[in-house]
Amino acid sequence: MISRAISSRLPTSHPHHLLRTRPFTSSGPRWNSSNETSSFKQGLARYRIFAGPFSKVFLGAIFTYQVLYWTWLKLEMDESKYEKNQEVGALEQKARELTATSTSQK
């Protein structure tokens, strides 16, 4: 009788099965409690053996790319520095010649 009175006062949008509490247990709910393995796990097990070699190759490729990139960048910086030093040297030589001719004409 009391349960009918309480249930009649509850809104109809809250079904009774949602008001139940979960019992205290040491383990969580077992959604897939069958002892059989799923097809997803079997498919995943096939590719799991390739995870180690794939990660080694992938990380090796990234490392090689980075070494080559930084080496190329260093060589380009050295080349541009050499070219600019050559240009500065040529301009300094031209400036010396111009100052020498201008002082000799006075």
C-alpha atoms as a PDB file:
ATOM      1  CA  MET A   1       0.000   0.000   0.000  1.00  0.00           C
ATOM      2  CA  ILE A   2       2.781   2.434   0.858  1.00  0.00           C
ATOM      3  CA  SER A   3       4.684   1.535  -2.296  1.00  0.00           C
ATOM      4  CA  ARG A   4       1.585   2.285  -4.377  1.00  0.00           C
ATOM      5  CA  ALA A   5       1.197   5.640  -2.669  1.00  0.00           C
ATOM      6  CA  ILE A   6       4.863   6.513  -3.317  1.00  0.00           C
ATOM      7  CA  SER A   7       4.760   5.281  -6.879  1.00  0.00           C
ATOM      8  CA  SER A   8       1.604   7.265  -7.600  1.00  0.00           C
ATOM      9  CA  ARG A   9       3.328  10.457  -6.410  1.00  0.00           C
ATOM     10  CA  LEU A  10       6.395   9.926  -8.604  1.00  0.00           C
ATOM     11  CA  PRO A  11       6.364  11.549 -12.012  1.00  0.00           C
ATOM     12  CA  THR A  12       5.709   9.189 -14.879  1.00  0.00           C
ATOM     13  CA  SER A  13       8.962  10.135 -16.596  1.00  0.00           C
ATOM     14  CA  HIS A  14      10.960   8.230 -13.908  1.00  0.00           C
ATOM     15  CA  PRO A  15      10.450   4.497 -14.335  1.00  0.00           C
ATOM     16  CA  HIS A  16      10.960   2.336 -11.254  1.00  0.00           C
ATOM     17  CA  HIS A  17      13.929   0.445 -12.667  1.00  0.00           C
ATOM     18  CA  LEU A  18      15.951   3.683 -12.747  1.00  0.00           C
ATOM     19  CA  LEU A  19      15.421   4.248  -9.040  1.00  0.00           C
ATOM     20  CA  ARG A  20      17.124   1.007  -8.049  1.00  0.00           C
ATOM     21  CA  THR A  21      20.585   1.281  -6.562  1.00  0.00           C
ATOM     22  CA  ARG A  22      23.482  -0.893  -7.536  1.00  0.00           C
ATOM     23  CA  PRO A  23      24.416  -3.473  -4.898  1.00  0.00           C
ATOM     24  CA  PHE A  24      27.815  -3.201  -3.221  1.00  0.00           C
ATOM     25  CA  THR A  25      30.228  -5.628  -4.803  1.00  0.00           C
ATOM     26  CA  SER A  26      33.979  -5.914  -4.998  1.00  0.00           C
ATOM     27  CA  SER A  27      33.941  -6.165  -8.780  1.00  0.00           C
ATOM     28  CA  GLY A  28      32.303  -3.978 -11.373  1.00  0.00           C
ATOM     29  CA  PRO A  29      29.455  -5.001 -13.601  1.00  0.00           C
ATOM     30  CA  ARG A  30      30.176  -7.738 -16.078  1.00  0.00           C
ATOM     31  CA  TRP A  31      28.783  -6.630 -19.377  1.00  0.00           C
ATOM     32  CA  ASN A  32      30.305  -9.456 -21.371  1.00  0.00           C
ATOM     33  CA  SER A  33      30.358 -12.281 -18.852  1.00  0.00           C
ATOM     34  CA  SER A  34      30.694 -15.066 -21.413  1.00  0.00           C
ATOM     35  CA  ASN A  35      33.881 -17.119 -21.324  1.00  0.00           C
ATOM     36  CA  GLU A  36      34.166 -17.005 -25.096  1.00  0.00           C
ATOM     37  CA  THR A  37      36.417 -14.394 -26.640  1.00  0.00           C
ATOM     38  CA  SER A  38      34.801 -11.877 -28.918  1.00  0.00           C
ATOM     39  CA  SER A  39      35.619 -11.558 -32.592  1.00  0.00           C
ATOM     40  CA  PHE A  40      37.017  -8.091 -31.888  1.00  0.00           C
ATOM     41  CA  LYS A  41      39.552  -9.504 -29.428  1.00  0.00           C
ATOM     42  CA  GLN A  42      40.497 -12.261 -31.858  1.00  0.00           C
ATOM     43  CA  GLY A  43      41.013  -9.735 -34.645  1.00  0.00           C
ATOM     44  CA  LEU A  44      43.017  -7.500 -32.355  1.00  0.00           C
ATOM     45  CA  ALA A  45      45.221 -10.404 -31.279  1.00  0.00           C
ATOM     46  CA  ARG A  46      46.268 -10.956 -34.895  1.00  0.00           C
ATOM     47  CA  TYR A  47      47.661  -7.446 -35.214  1.00  0.00           C
ATOM     48  CA  ARG A  48      49.098  -7.221 -31.711  1.00  0.00           C
ATOM     49  CA  ILE A  49      52.172  -9.176 -32.808  1.00  0.00           C
ATOM     50  CA  PHE A  50      52.972  -6.408 -35.313  1.00  0.00           C
ATOM     51  CA  ALA A  51      52.795  -3.576 -32.760  1.00  0.00           C
ATOM     52  CA  GLY A  52      56.402  -3.918 -31.570  1.00  0.00           C
ATOM     53  CA  PRO A  53      58.075  -4.079 -34.997  1.00  0.00           C
ATOM     54  CA  PHE A  54      55.805  -1.355 -36.363  1.00  0.00           C
ATOM     55  CA  SER A  55      56.632   1.001 -33.499  1.00  0.00           C
ATOM     56  CA  LYS A  56      60.379   0.351 -33.923  1.00  0.00           C
ATOM     57  CA  VAL A  57      60.237   1.111 -37.645  1.00  0.00           C
ATOM     58  CA  PHE A  58      58.009   4.149 -37.132  1.00  0.00           C
ATOM     59  CA  LEU A  59      60.208   5.664 -34.420  1.00  0.00           C
ATOM     60  CA  GLY A  60      63.336   4.852 -36.436  1.00  0.00           C
ATOM     61  CA  ALA A  61      61.887   6.637 -39.459  1.00  0.00           C
ATOM     62  CA  ILE A  62      60.998   9.705 -37.398  1.00  0.00           C
ATOM     63  CA  PHE A  63      64.481   9.782 -35.861  1.00  0.00           C
ATOM     64  CA  THR A  64      66.146   9.435 -39.282  1.00  0.00           C
ATOM     65  CA  TYR A  65      63.971  12.189 -40.736  1.00  0.00           C
ATOM     66  CA  GLN A  66      64.828  14.551 -37.868  1.00  0.00           C
ATOM     67  CA  VAL A  67      68.578  13.879 -38.177  1.00  0.00           C
ATOM     68  CA  LEU A  68      68.493  14.484 -41.930  1.00  0.00           C
ATOM     69  CA  TYR A  69      66.343  17.615 -41.522  1.00  0.00           C
ATOM     70  CA  TRP A  70      68.603  19.213 -38.896  1.00  0.00           C
ATOM     71  CA  THR A  71      71.737  18.289 -40.888  1.00  0.00           C
ATOM     72  CA  TRP A  72      70.295  19.854 -44.039  1.00  0.00           C
ATOM     73  CA  LEU A  73      69.263  22.953 -42.094  1.00  0.00           C
ATOM     74  CA  LYS A  74      72.767  23.302 -40.606  1.00  0.00           C
ATOM     75  CA  LEU A  75      74.382  22.962 -44.039  1.00  0.00           C
ATOM     76  CA  GLU A  76      72.052  25.596 -45.521  1.00  0.00           C
ATOM     77  CA  MET A  77      72.808  27.981 -42.657  1.00  0.00           C
ATOM     78  CA  ASP A  78      76.560  27.464 -43.114  1.00  0.00           C
ATOM     79  CA  GLU A  79      76.242  28.076 -46.856  1.00  0.00           C
ATOM     80  CA  SER A  80      74.253  31.286 -46.446  1.00  0.00           C
ATOM     81  CA  LYS A  81      76.706  32.481 -43.772  1.00  0.00           C
ATOM     82  CA  TYR A  82      79.635  31.810 -46.127  1.00  0.00           C
ATOM     83  CA  GLU A  83      77.932  33.672 -48.979  1.00  0.00           C
ATOM     84  CA  LYS A  84      77.147  36.672 -46.773  1.00  0.00           C
ATOM     85  CA  ASN A  85      80.716  36.767 -45.456  1.00  0.00           C
ATOM     86  CA  GLN A  86      81.988  36.757 -49.059  1.00  0.00           C
ATOM     87  CA  GLU A  87      79.626  39.606 -49.932  1.00  0.00           C
ATOM     88  CA  VAL A  88      80.666  41.615 -46.866  1.00  0.00           C
ATOM     89  CA  GLY A  89      84.337  41.048 -47.729  1.00  0.00           C
ATOM     90  CA  ALA A  90      83.792  42.266 -51.282  1.00  0.00           C
ATOM     91  CA  LEU A  91      81.927  45.359 -50.059  1.00  0.00           C
ATOM     92  CA  GLU A  92      84.656  46.154 -47.517  1.00  0.00           C
ATOM     93  CA  GLN A  93      87.304  45.877 -50.246  1.00  0.00           C
ATOM     94  CA  LYS A  94      85.292  48.200 -52.486  1.00  0.00           C
ATOM     95  CA  ALA A  95      84.861  50.660 -49.615  1.00  0.00           C
ATOM     96  CA  ARG A  96      88.639  50.661 -48.998  1.00  0.00           C
ATOM     97  CA  GLU A  97      89.312  51.324 -52.668  1.00  0.00           C
ATOM     98  CA  LEU A  98      86.797  54.185 -52.728  1.00  0.00           C
ATOM     99  CA  THR A  99      88.200  55.755 -49.571  1.00  0.00           C
ATOM    100  CA  ALA A 100      91.747  55.396 -50.882  1.00  0.00           C
ATOM    101  CA  THR A 101      90.920  57.093 -54.188  1.00  0.00           C
ATOM    102  CA  SER A 102      88.923  59.849 -52.521  1.00  0.00           C
ATOM    103  CA  THR A 103      91.762  60.700 -50.091  1.00  0.00           C
ATOM    104  CA  SER A 104      94.383  60.638 -52.852  1.00  0.00           C
ATOM    105  CA  GLN A 105      92.363  63.072 -54.981  1.00  0.00           C
ATOM    106  CA  LYS A 106      92.242  65.690 -52.226  1.00  0.00           C
END
